[in-house]
Protein backbone atom coordinates (compact mmCIF):
# COMPACT_ATOMS: atom_id res chain seq x y z
CA MET A 1 -100.36 18.70 24.44
CA SER A 2 -99.26 19.29 20.84
CA ILE A 3 -96.91 16.95 19.00
CA VAL A 4 -94.13 19.53 19.18
CA GLY A 5 -94.76 19.96 22.90
CA PHE A 6 -94.71 16.20 23.46
CA ILE A 7 -91.42 15.85 21.56
CA SER A 8 -89.96 18.79 23.49
CA SER A 9 -90.85 17.13 26.81
CA TYR A 10 -89.68 13.62 25.97
CA GLN A 11 -87.15 14.16 23.19
CA LEU A 12 -84.20 12.79 25.18
CA ASP A 13 -86.07 9.54 25.82
CA ILE A 14 -87.22 9.42 22.20
CA MET A 15 -83.62 9.88 21.05
CA LEU A 16 -82.45 7.06 23.31
CA PHE A 17 -85.22 4.75 22.10
CA LEU A 18 -84.63 5.43 18.42
CA SER A 19 -80.85 5.13 18.75
CA GLY A 20 -81.34 1.72 20.39
CA ILE A 21 -83.46 0.56 17.46
CA CYS A 22 -80.85 1.82 15.00
CA ALA A 23 -78.04 0.11 16.91
CA ILE A 24 -79.86 -3.23 16.74
CA MET A 25 -80.54 -2.75 13.02
CA THR A 26 -76.86 -1.91 12.43
CA VAL A 27 -75.75 -5.20 13.98
CA MET A 28 -78.43 -7.21 12.16
CA THR A 29 -77.54 -5.59 8.83
CA ALA A 30 -73.84 -6.31 9.29
CA MET A 31 -74.70 -9.97 9.92
CA THR A 32 -77.12 -10.31 6.99
CA LYS A 33 -75.45 -12.39 4.27
CA SER A 34 -78.36 -12.19 1.85
CA LEU A 35 -77.64 -8.52 1.15
CA ALA A 36 -75.08 -7.61 -1.49
CA PRO A 37 -71.87 -6.32 0.18
CA SER A 38 -72.35 -2.78 -1.20
CA ARG A 39 -75.99 -2.63 -0.05
CA ARG A 40 -75.10 -4.09 3.34
CA ARG A 41 -72.35 -1.51 3.85
CA VAL A 42 -74.59 1.43 2.91
CA LEU A 43 -77.47 0.36 5.15
CA ALA A 44 -75.20 -0.47 8.08
CA LEU A 45 -73.44 2.90 7.87
CA LEU A 46 -76.80 4.63 7.50
CA GLU A 47 -78.06 3.10 10.75
CA LEU A 48 -74.74 3.67 12.55
CA ALA A 49 -74.77 7.34 11.54
CA ALA A 50 -78.36 7.58 12.83
CA VAL A 51 -77.25 6.14 16.19
CA LEU A 52 -74.40 8.63 16.46
CA LEU A 53 -76.58 11.55 15.35
CA LEU A 54 -79.09 11.00 18.13
CA MET A 55 -76.47 10.26 20.76
CA PHE A 56 -74.50 13.44 19.99
CA ASP A 57 -77.74 15.43 19.82
CA ARG A 58 -78.68 14.01 23.22
CA PHE A 59 -75.28 14.96 24.68
CA ALA A 60 -75.68 18.48 23.29
CA TYR A 61 -78.92 18.88 25.23
CA LEU A 62 -77.64 17.16 28.37
CA TYR A 63 -74.54 19.38 28.64
CA ARG A 64 -76.21 22.59 27.44
CA GLY A 65 -75.38 25.30 29.98
CA ASP A 66 -72.72 23.15 31.70
CA ILE A 67 -69.79 25.53 32.22
CA SER A 68 -67.32 22.84 33.24
CA VAL A 69 -64.40 21.89 30.97
CA THR A 70 -66.17 18.64 30.10
CA GLY A 71 -69.35 20.52 29.26
CA TYR A 72 -67.40 22.97 27.14
CA TRP A 73 -65.91 20.29 24.91
CA VAL A 74 -68.91 17.93 24.87
CA VAL A 75 -71.28 20.68 23.72
CA ARG A 76 -68.98 21.87 20.93
CA ILE A 77 -68.06 18.40 19.68
CA SER A 78 -71.66 17.22 19.89
CA ASN A 79 -73.08 20.17 17.95
CA PHE A 80 -70.42 19.82 15.27
CA MET A 81 -71.17 16.09 14.91
CA VAL A 82 -74.93 16.70 14.78
CA TYR A 83 -74.51 19.07 11.85
CA TYR A 84 -72.01 16.77 10.13
CA LEU A 85 -73.98 13.54 10.64
CA THR A 86 -77.10 15.17 9.22
CA LEU A 87 -75.15 15.75 6.01
CA TYR A 88 -73.53 12.33 6.21
CA LEU A 89 -76.91 10.58 6.43
CA MET A 90 -78.00 12.29 3.23
CA HIS A 91 -74.69 11.25 1.66
CA GLU A 92 -75.41 7.60 2.54
CA VAL A 93 -78.94 7.87 1.09
CA THR A 94 -77.34 9.10 -2.14
CA LEU A 95 -75.04 6.08 -2.16
CA TYR A 96 -78.07 3.87 -1.47
CA LEU A 97 -79.84 5.33 -4.52
CA ILE A 98 -76.78 4.74 -6.70
CA ASP A 99 -76.66 1.13 -5.50
CA LEU A 100 -80.40 0.64 -6.08
CA TYR A 101 -80.27 1.84 -9.67
CA SER A 102 -76.99 0.21 -10.67
CA GLY A 103 -77.40 -2.72 -13.04
CA LYS A 104 -80.93 -1.76 -14.08
CA GLY A 105 -79.97 -0.59 -17.55
CA ILE A 106 -80.69 3.07 -16.85
CA GLN A 107 -78.77 5.70 -18.75
CA GLN A 108 -76.06 7.16 -16.56
CA SER A 109 -77.39 10.73 -16.92
CA PHE A 110 -79.27 10.38 -13.64
CA LEU A 111 -75.94 9.87 -11.93
CA ARG A 112 -75.06 13.50 -12.63
CA ARG A 113 -77.74 14.63 -10.19
CA LEU A 114 -76.58 12.14 -7.57
CA ARG A 115 -72.96 13.14 -8.13
CA PHE A 116 -74.02 16.74 -7.60
CA CYS A 117 -75.56 15.61 -4.32
CA GLU A 118 -72.13 14.32 -3.38
CA LEU A 119 -70.60 17.67 -4.32
CA LEU A 120 -73.13 19.44 -2.09
CA PHE A 121 -72.18 17.07 0.74
CA VAL A 122 -68.52 18.08 0.37
CA VAL A 123 -69.42 21.78 0.20
CA GLY A 124 -71.63 21.46 3.25
CA THR A 125 -68.85 19.70 5.17
CA VAL A 126 -66.33 22.41 4.27
CA LEU A 127 -68.74 25.18 5.30
CA LEU A 128 -69.37 23.40 8.56
CA VAL A 129 -65.65 23.29 9.33
CA VAL A 130 -65.33 26.97 8.38
CA SER A 131 -68.24 27.83 10.65
CA GLN A 132 -66.32 26.46 13.64
CA PHE A 133 -63.86 29.32 13.27
CA THR A 134 -66.19 32.05 11.98
CA GLY A 135 -69.46 31.45 13.81
CA LEU A 136 -71.28 31.20 10.48
CA TYR A 137 -73.85 28.68 11.73
CA TYR A 138 -73.93 29.08 15.52
CA SER A 139 -72.06 30.32 18.56
CA PHE A 140 -71.92 29.71 22.34
CA ASP A 141 -72.22 32.29 25.11
CA GLU A 142 -70.27 32.41 28.36
CA ASN A 143 -72.76 29.97 29.91
CA ASN A 144 -71.98 27.40 27.23
CA ILE A 145 -75.43 27.77 25.64
CA TYR A 146 -75.90 27.27 21.89
CA HIS A 147 -77.27 30.17 19.75
CA ARG A 148 -78.09 30.23 16.05
CA ALA A 149 -76.10 32.62 13.91
CA PRO A 150 -77.50 34.67 10.98
CA GLY A 151 -75.97 32.21 8.49
CA ASN A 152 -77.69 29.21 10.10
CA PHE A 153 -80.18 29.01 7.26
CA ILE A 154 -77.34 27.89 4.92
CA CYS A 155 -76.99 24.61 6.78
CA PHE A 156 -80.67 23.96 6.01
CA LEU A 157 -80.43 24.94 2.34
CA ILE A 158 -77.76 22.37 1.44
CA PRO A 159 -79.68 19.31 2.80
CA LEU A 160 -82.81 20.78 1.20
CA ALA A 161 -81.12 20.89 -2.20
CA ILE A 162 -79.85 17.35 -1.79
CA SER A 163 -83.35 16.16 -0.88
CA PHE A 164 -84.91 17.76 -3.97
CA LEU A 165 -82.30 16.17 -6.23
CA GLN A 166 -82.88 12.77 -4.65
CA ILE A 167 -86.65 13.15 -5.03
CA SER A 168 -86.26 14.06 -8.70
CA VAL A 169 -84.31 10.86 -9.35
CA VAL A 170 -86.78 8.68 -7.44
CA VAL A 171 -89.80 10.20 -9.21
CA GLN A 172 -88.26 9.88 -12.68
CA TYR A 173 -87.08 6.30 -12.24
CA ARG A 174 -89.72 5.01 -9.83
CA LYS A 175 -90.73 2.17 -12.18
CA TYR A 176 -87.40 0.46 -11.52
CA LEU A 177 -88.07 0.17 -7.79
CA SER A 178 -90.73 -1.56 -5.72
CA ARG A 179 -93.59 0.54 -4.38
CA PRO A 180 -92.54 0.27 -0.68
CA VAL A 181 -89.01 1.42 -1.50
CA VAL A 182 -90.26 4.37 -3.55
CA ILE A 183 -92.60 5.46 -0.75
CA SER A 184 -89.89 5.18 1.91
CA LEU A 185 -87.43 7.17 -0.24
CA MET A 186 -90.00 9.90 -0.78
CA LEU A 187 -90.79 10.06 2.93
CA ASN A 188 -87.09 10.08 3.75
CA ALA A 189 -86.70 13.24 1.67
CA ILE A 190 -89.99 15.04 2.36
CA VAL A 191 -90.59 14.51 6.10
CA PRO A 192 -87.22 15.96 7.24
CA ILE A 193 -87.82 18.98 4.96
CA ILE A 194 -91.13 19.64 6.69
CA ALA A 195 -89.50 19.12 10.08
CA SER A 196 -86.70 21.52 9.17
CA ILE A 197 -89.17 24.22 8.15
CA ILE A 198 -90.98 23.82 11.47
CA GLN A 199 -87.69 23.86 13.37
CA LEU A 200 -86.80 27.26 11.87
CA PHE A 201 -89.57 28.67 14.03
CA VAL A 202 -89.18 26.38 17.03
CA TYR A 203 -86.12 26.55 19.24
CA GLY A 204 -84.88 23.79 21.52
CA VAL A 205 -86.55 20.86 19.73
CA SER A 206 -84.68 18.38 17.48
CA LEU A 207 -87.55 17.79 15.07
CA THR A 208 -85.24 17.52 12.08
CA ASN A 209 -82.87 14.95 13.57
CA ILE A 210 -85.64 12.82 15.08
CA SER A 211 -87.57 12.84 11.81
CA ILE A 212 -84.43 11.98 9.82
CA VAL A 213 -83.71 8.96 12.01
CA GLY A 214 -87.35 7.88 11.96
CA MET A 215 -87.36 7.96 8.18
CA VAL A 216 -84.03 6.10 8.08
CA ILE A 217 -85.61 3.29 10.10
CA ILE A 218 -88.60 3.19 7.73
CA LEU A 219 -86.24 3.23 4.75
CA HIS A 220 -84.28 0.34 6.19
CA LEU A 221 -87.39 -1.72 6.98
CA ASN A 222 -88.70 -1.27 3.46
CA ALA A 223 -85.27 -2.21 2.09
CA LEU A 224 -85.55 -5.49 4.02
CA VAL A 225 -89.10 -6.03 2.72
CA ASP A 226 -87.82 -5.43 -0.80
CA LEU A 227 -84.95 -7.83 -0.18
CA ASN A 228 -87.37 -10.52 1.00
CA GLU A 229 -89.39 -10.07 -2.16
CA GLU A 230 -86.26 -10.30 -4.30
CA VAL A 231 -85.11 -13.43 -2.47
CA GLU A 232 -88.55 -15.02 -2.83
CA HIS A 233 -88.67 -14.12 -6.51
CA ALA A 234 -85.19 -15.58 -7.00
CA ARG A 235 -86.22 -18.71 -5.11
CA GLN A 236 -89.34 -19.17 -7.21
CA THR A 237 -87.33 -18.61 -10.38
CA GLU A 238 -84.76 -21.14 -9.24
CA ILE A 239 -87.49 -23.66 -8.43
CA THR A 240 -89.10 -23.10 -11.83
CA VAL A 241 -85.79 -23.53 -13.64
CA TYR A 242 -85.03 -26.64 -11.59
CA LYS A 243 -88.46 -28.15 -12.32
CA GLU A 244 -88.10 -27.43 -16.02
CA ALA A 245 -84.63 -28.99 -16.06
CA ARG A 246 -85.92 -32.04 -14.19
CA LYS A 247 -88.83 -32.36 -16.60
CA LYS A 248 -86.52 -32.20 -19.60
CA GLU A 249 -84.24 -34.75 -17.98
CA HIS A 250 -87.20 -37.00 -17.22
CA ASP A 251 -88.58 -36.64 -20.75
CA LEU A 252 -85.18 -37.53 -22.19
CA PHE A 253 -85.02 -40.54 -19.88
CA LYS A 254 -88.47 -41.69 -21.01
CA GLN A 255 -87.55 -41.26 -24.65
CA THR A 256 -84.36 -43.25 -24.16
CA VAL A 257 -86.23 -46.03 -22.39
CA GLY A 258 -88.85 -45.95 -25.16
CA ALA A 259 -86.18 -46.32 -27.82
CA LEU A 260 -84.70 -49.32 -26.02
CA VAL A 261 -88.13 -50.92 -25.60
CA ASN A 262 -88.82 -50.47 -29.33
CA ALA A 263 -85.49 -52.12 -30.09
CA ILE A 264 -86.37 -55.05 -27.79
CA GLU A 265 -89.80 -55.63 -29.31
CA ALA A 266 -88.47 -55.29 -32.84
CA LYS A 267 -86.32 -58.36 -32.11
CA ASP A 268 -89.22 -60.60 -31.08
CA THR A 269 -92.13 -60.70 -33.53
CA TYR A 270 -94.17 -62.95 -31.23
CA THR A 271 -94.18 -60.78 -28.11
CA ASN A 272 -95.18 -57.34 -29.38
CA GLY A 273 -96.32 -55.21 -26.43
CA HIS A 274 -94.87 -57.65 -23.88
CA SER A 275 -92.57 -55.10 -22.22
CA HIS A 276 -95.39 -52.55 -21.84
CA ARG A 277 -97.76 -55.11 -20.38
CA VAL A 278 -95.18 -56.45 -17.92
CA ALA A 279 -94.51 -52.87 -16.81
CA MET A 280 -98.23 -52.22 -16.40
CA TYR A 281 -98.87 -55.45 -14.44
CA SER A 282 -95.80 -54.86 -12.27
CA GLU A 283 -96.99 -51.38 -11.38
CA ARG A 284 -100.49 -52.65 -10.58
CA ILE A 285 -99.05 -55.30 -8.27
CA ALA A 286 -96.89 -52.72 -6.50
CA ARG A 287 -99.74 -50.25 -6.05
CA ARG A 288 -102.04 -53.01 -4.76
CA ALA A 289 -99.27 -53.90 -2.29
CA GLY A 290 -99.20 -50.28 -1.05
CA LYS A 291 -95.86 -49.21 -2.48
CA SER A 292 -94.97 -45.52 -2.83
CA ASP A 293 -95.44 -43.55 -6.04
CA GLU A 294 -91.66 -43.25 -6.39
CA PHE A 295 -91.19 -47.02 -6.07
CA CYS A 296 -93.99 -47.69 -8.57
CA GLU A 297 -92.52 -45.31 -11.14
CA GLU A 298 -89.04 -46.81 -10.81
CA LEU A 299 -90.53 -50.30 -11.04
CA HIS A 300 -92.42 -49.35 -14.21
CA PHE A 301 -89.23 -48.30 -16.01
CA THR A 302 -87.33 -51.30 -14.65
CA ALA A 303 -90.01 -53.68 -15.92
CA LEU A 304 -90.05 -51.99 -19.33
CA LEU A 305 -86.38 -52.88 -19.74
CA HIS A 306 -86.39 -56.33 -18.14
CA ASP A 307 -85.79 -58.02 -21.53
CA VAL A 308 -83.27 -55.49 -22.88
CA GLY A 309 -80.61 -58.23 -22.93
CA LYS A 310 -82.44 -59.95 -25.79
CA ILE A 311 -80.97 -57.29 -28.05
CA GLY A 312 -77.73 -59.30 -27.88
CA ILE A 313 -79.35 -62.64 -28.74
CA ASP A 314 -79.38 -63.88 -32.33
CA ASN A 315 -82.67 -63.21 -34.15
CA SER A 316 -82.96 -66.83 -35.33
CA ILE A 317 -83.11 -67.98 -31.71
CA ILE A 318 -85.43 -65.22 -30.52
CA ASN A 319 -87.95 -65.88 -33.32
CA LYS A 320 -87.59 -69.66 -33.57
CA GLU A 321 -91.04 -71.28 -33.78
CA GLY A 322 -90.08 -74.75 -32.62
CA LYS A 323 -88.49 -76.02 -29.44
CA LEU A 324 -85.10 -74.62 -28.60
CA THR A 325 -82.08 -76.88 -28.45
CA ALA A 326 -80.05 -77.09 -25.25
CA ALA A 327 -77.38 -74.86 -26.77
CA GLU A 328 -79.95 -72.33 -27.92
CA TYR A 329 -81.61 -72.34 -24.50
CA ASP A 330 -78.21 -71.75 -22.88
CA GLU A 331 -77.75 -68.72 -25.14
CA ILE A 332 -81.21 -67.40 -24.27
CA LYS A 333 -80.26 -67.70 -20.60
CA GLN A 334 -77.50 -65.16 -21.23
CA HIS A 335 -79.94 -62.31 -21.80
CA PRO A 336 -80.25 -61.34 -18.08
CA ALA A 337 -76.48 -60.85 -17.82
CA MET A 338 -76.43 -58.98 -21.14
CA GLY A 339 -79.27 -56.75 -19.99
CA SER A 340 -77.50 -56.01 -16.72
CA GLN A 341 -74.33 -55.10 -18.61
CA ILE A 342 -76.22 -52.79 -20.98
CA LEU A 343 -77.97 -50.97 -18.14
CA SER A 344 -75.07 -50.89 -15.68
CA SER A 345 -73.59 -47.85 -17.43
CA ILE A 346 -76.64 -45.75 -16.43
CA GLU A 347 -75.21 -44.75 -13.05
CA GLN A 348 -77.99 -42.37 -12.01
CA THR A 349 -80.64 -45.12 -12.17
CA PRO A 350 -78.94 -48.26 -10.82
CA TYR A 351 -82.31 -49.87 -10.08
CA LEU A 352 -82.93 -50.41 -13.83
CA MET A 353 -80.51 -53.34 -14.02
CA THR A 354 -82.22 -55.27 -11.20
CA GLY A 355 -85.16 -56.25 -13.39
CA ALA A 356 -82.98 -57.21 -16.35
CA ASN A 357 -80.55 -59.25 -14.25
CA TYR A 358 -82.83 -61.03 -11.80
CA HIS A 359 -86.29 -61.49 -13.33
CA HIS A 360 -85.57 -65.17 -14.06
CA GLU A 361 -84.48 -65.95 -10.51
CA ARG A 362 -86.89 -68.25 -8.64
CA TYR A 363 -88.06 -67.86 -5.08
CA ASP A 364 -86.95 -71.44 -4.35
CA GLY A 365 -83.40 -70.72 -5.60
CA LYS A 366 -83.63 -72.79 -8.81
CA GLY A 367 -83.60 -69.84 -11.21
CA TYR A 368 -80.83 -68.14 -13.11
CA PRO A 369 -78.33 -66.49 -13.58
CA LYS A 370 -77.21 -66.57 -9.92
CA GLY A 371 -79.60 -68.99 -8.24
CA LEU A 372 -80.69 -66.44 -5.63
CA LYS A 373 -83.33 -67.54 -3.15
CA GLY A 374 -86.22 -65.85 -1.34
CA GLU A 375 -85.56 -62.28 -0.33
CA GLU A 376 -82.02 -62.46 -1.68
CA ILE A 377 -83.74 -61.59 -4.96
CA PRO A 378 -84.31 -57.81 -5.26
CA GLU A 379 -87.94 -56.89 -4.55
CA MET A 380 -88.49 -55.29 -7.96
CA ALA A 381 -87.28 -58.46 -9.67
CA ARG A 382 -89.67 -60.60 -7.58
CA ILE A 383 -92.59 -58.43 -8.70
CA ILE A 384 -91.48 -58.41 -12.34
CA SER A 385 -91.09 -62.21 -12.26
CA VAL A 386 -94.79 -62.60 -11.40
CA ALA A 387 -95.88 -60.03 -14.01
CA ASP A 388 -93.59 -61.54 -16.68
CA ALA A 389 -94.94 -65.05 -16.17
CA TYR A 390 -98.52 -63.79 -16.06
CA ASP A 391 -98.14 -62.01 -19.40
CA ALA A 392 -96.47 -65.05 -20.96
CA MET A 393 -99.46 -67.18 -19.95
CA THR A 394 -102.10 -64.65 -21.02
CA SER A 395 -100.53 -63.79 -24.41
CA LYS A 396 -100.75 -65.56 -27.73
CA ARG A 397 -97.73 -67.58 -28.84
CA SER A 398 -96.86 -69.23 -32.15
CA TYR A 399 -97.74 -72.58 -30.63
CA ARG A 400 -100.82 -71.70 -28.52
CA GLU A 401 -103.57 -69.23 -27.70
CA PRO A 402 -103.71 -67.31 -24.39
CA LEU A 403 -104.40 -69.66 -21.46
CA PRO A 404 -107.80 -69.48 -19.78
CA GLN A 405 -107.93 -67.28 -16.71
CA SER A 406 -108.60 -70.27 -14.46
CA ALA A 407 -105.50 -72.06 -15.75
CA VAL A 408 -103.37 -68.98 -15.18
CA ARG A 409 -104.71 -68.64 -11.64
CA ALA A 410 -104.05 -72.28 -10.91
CA GLU A 411 -100.46 -71.94 -12.12
CA LEU A 412 -99.88 -68.92 -9.88
CA VAL A 413 -101.27 -70.81 -6.90
CA LYS A 414 -99.14 -73.83 -7.74
CA GLU A 415 -95.90 -71.84 -8.09
CA ARG A 416 -96.32 -69.47 -5.11
CA GLY A 417 -93.34 -70.01 -2.86
CA LYS A 418 -91.58 -71.96 -5.63
CA GLN A 419 -91.15 -69.85 -8.75
CA PHE A 420 -92.83 -66.78 -7.27
CA ASP A 421 -92.64 -64.74 -4.10
CA PRO A 422 -95.81 -65.93 -2.30
CA PHE A 423 -96.78 -62.43 -1.21
CA TYR A 424 -96.67 -60.95 -4.70
CA ALA A 425 -98.22 -64.07 -6.22
CA ASP A 426 -101.16 -63.58 -3.84
CA VAL A 427 -101.42 -59.91 -4.84
CA MET A 428 -101.58 -60.93 -8.51
CA ILE A 429 -104.21 -63.53 -7.70
CA ARG A 430 -106.32 -60.85 -5.98
CA LEU A 431 -105.99 -58.65 -9.07
CA MET A 432 -107.15 -61.58 -11.21
CA ASP A 433 -110.11 -62.28 -8.96
CA ALA A 434 -111.19 -58.65 -9.38
CA ASP A 435 -110.87 -58.99 -13.17
CA ASP A 436 -114.21 -60.68 -13.88
CA GLU A 437 -114.10 -59.96 -17.61
CA TYR A 438 -110.51 -61.19 -18.01
CA GLU A 439 -109.35 -57.84 -19.34
CA MET A 440 -105.75 -58.30 -18.21
CA ARG A 441 -104.35 -60.16 -21.19
CA GLU A 442 -102.70 -59.52 -24.53
CA LYS A 443 -105.62 -57.70 -26.10
CA GLU A 444 -105.12 -54.94 -23.52
CA VAL A 445 -102.22 -53.42 -25.45
CA SER A 446 -100.59 -50.76 -23.37
CA PRO A 447 -100.76 -47.23 -24.80
CA ASP A 448 -97.55 -45.42 -25.65
CA ARG A 449 -96.90 -44.80 -22.00
CA VAL A 450 -93.26 -45.14 -21.07
């Protein structure tokens, strides 16, 4: 059986099947929020017109030869709607093309061809109405059977002209559209033309209408594929822009922290590199304890700024070589509160102030400024306290050289559970035991990592 013969035998079922697909696509398109309103309207109307075209064409065949009053009106209305909806589908494709090319910076000259397509649609509609009274396109005999009239070829010429104009626009401006959309637009114009030529010589088969609807479905599917690609491209662009913005924000944050650290270390001539080393030791403790990358990064910045309050302490006290007086020591003890006040204004990173405010608290509750005890002390501050004390013992001071590793270890063991959180003191001790060459001390000046 030939293709034409197959379609002739099963065309009513094919029409029903295709109209069902188009009906589903109409509903889905109307519900799709990702499509621009103009594009959504065009595609939904395109599919709805395809549904109606096949349903009216089906009714025309079902009631062909029915001489009842119902058959009389159904056949005439159905044939009129088939001719009209064929034109209307081409009209919607024209609107789809206009929507596709709008906003792409193309000169508006191409619109003249598409506007002419609209004019042909109006002319075709008028001729169709005229034909209902003159028999220009077709007529019906006494048995209510449809017959082509001599002027029937005119109804083929108008859609043919519209198709050629649409093809010319697509070919000329194909670079502005994706390959699937271009192919579907070309098929939408060419396949119905071929079907129409065949139908001129074949009577009783709706090759043209079936091919038009088939191409409309393909056009719609490729429009959705193109939409998915546009959405994905937009999503990737948005992600890229977001990542770049986050990187710039992070870089600015690092630079700001770096400036504050430089200001801190410029105050104290005897502890150059202290903030960097405390940050490095704190991060090593946290990683050895199995903390997340996010926690470790936040801890690193918090530790860098743990002494930021010293900016508010008089230089003569900060750099005094001898023993501090009670009054001077009381002023030094103000630097945690000062640091907390300085950093409290950075609302997006509230964790920064925990190191500055609590790194002199003791696990046994005898520290300052608030006398917090045990796990009342924020975890970051408990880690920084161990790292801060370790660096103080392993760094050179005006009154002594770095302590031997064994003495530092003994002090950590002695103060675990007293000055230090026992868990993090033990972690630091394990890091020391792995440091056979005693590399973790002042000579290991941290690079410019902030």
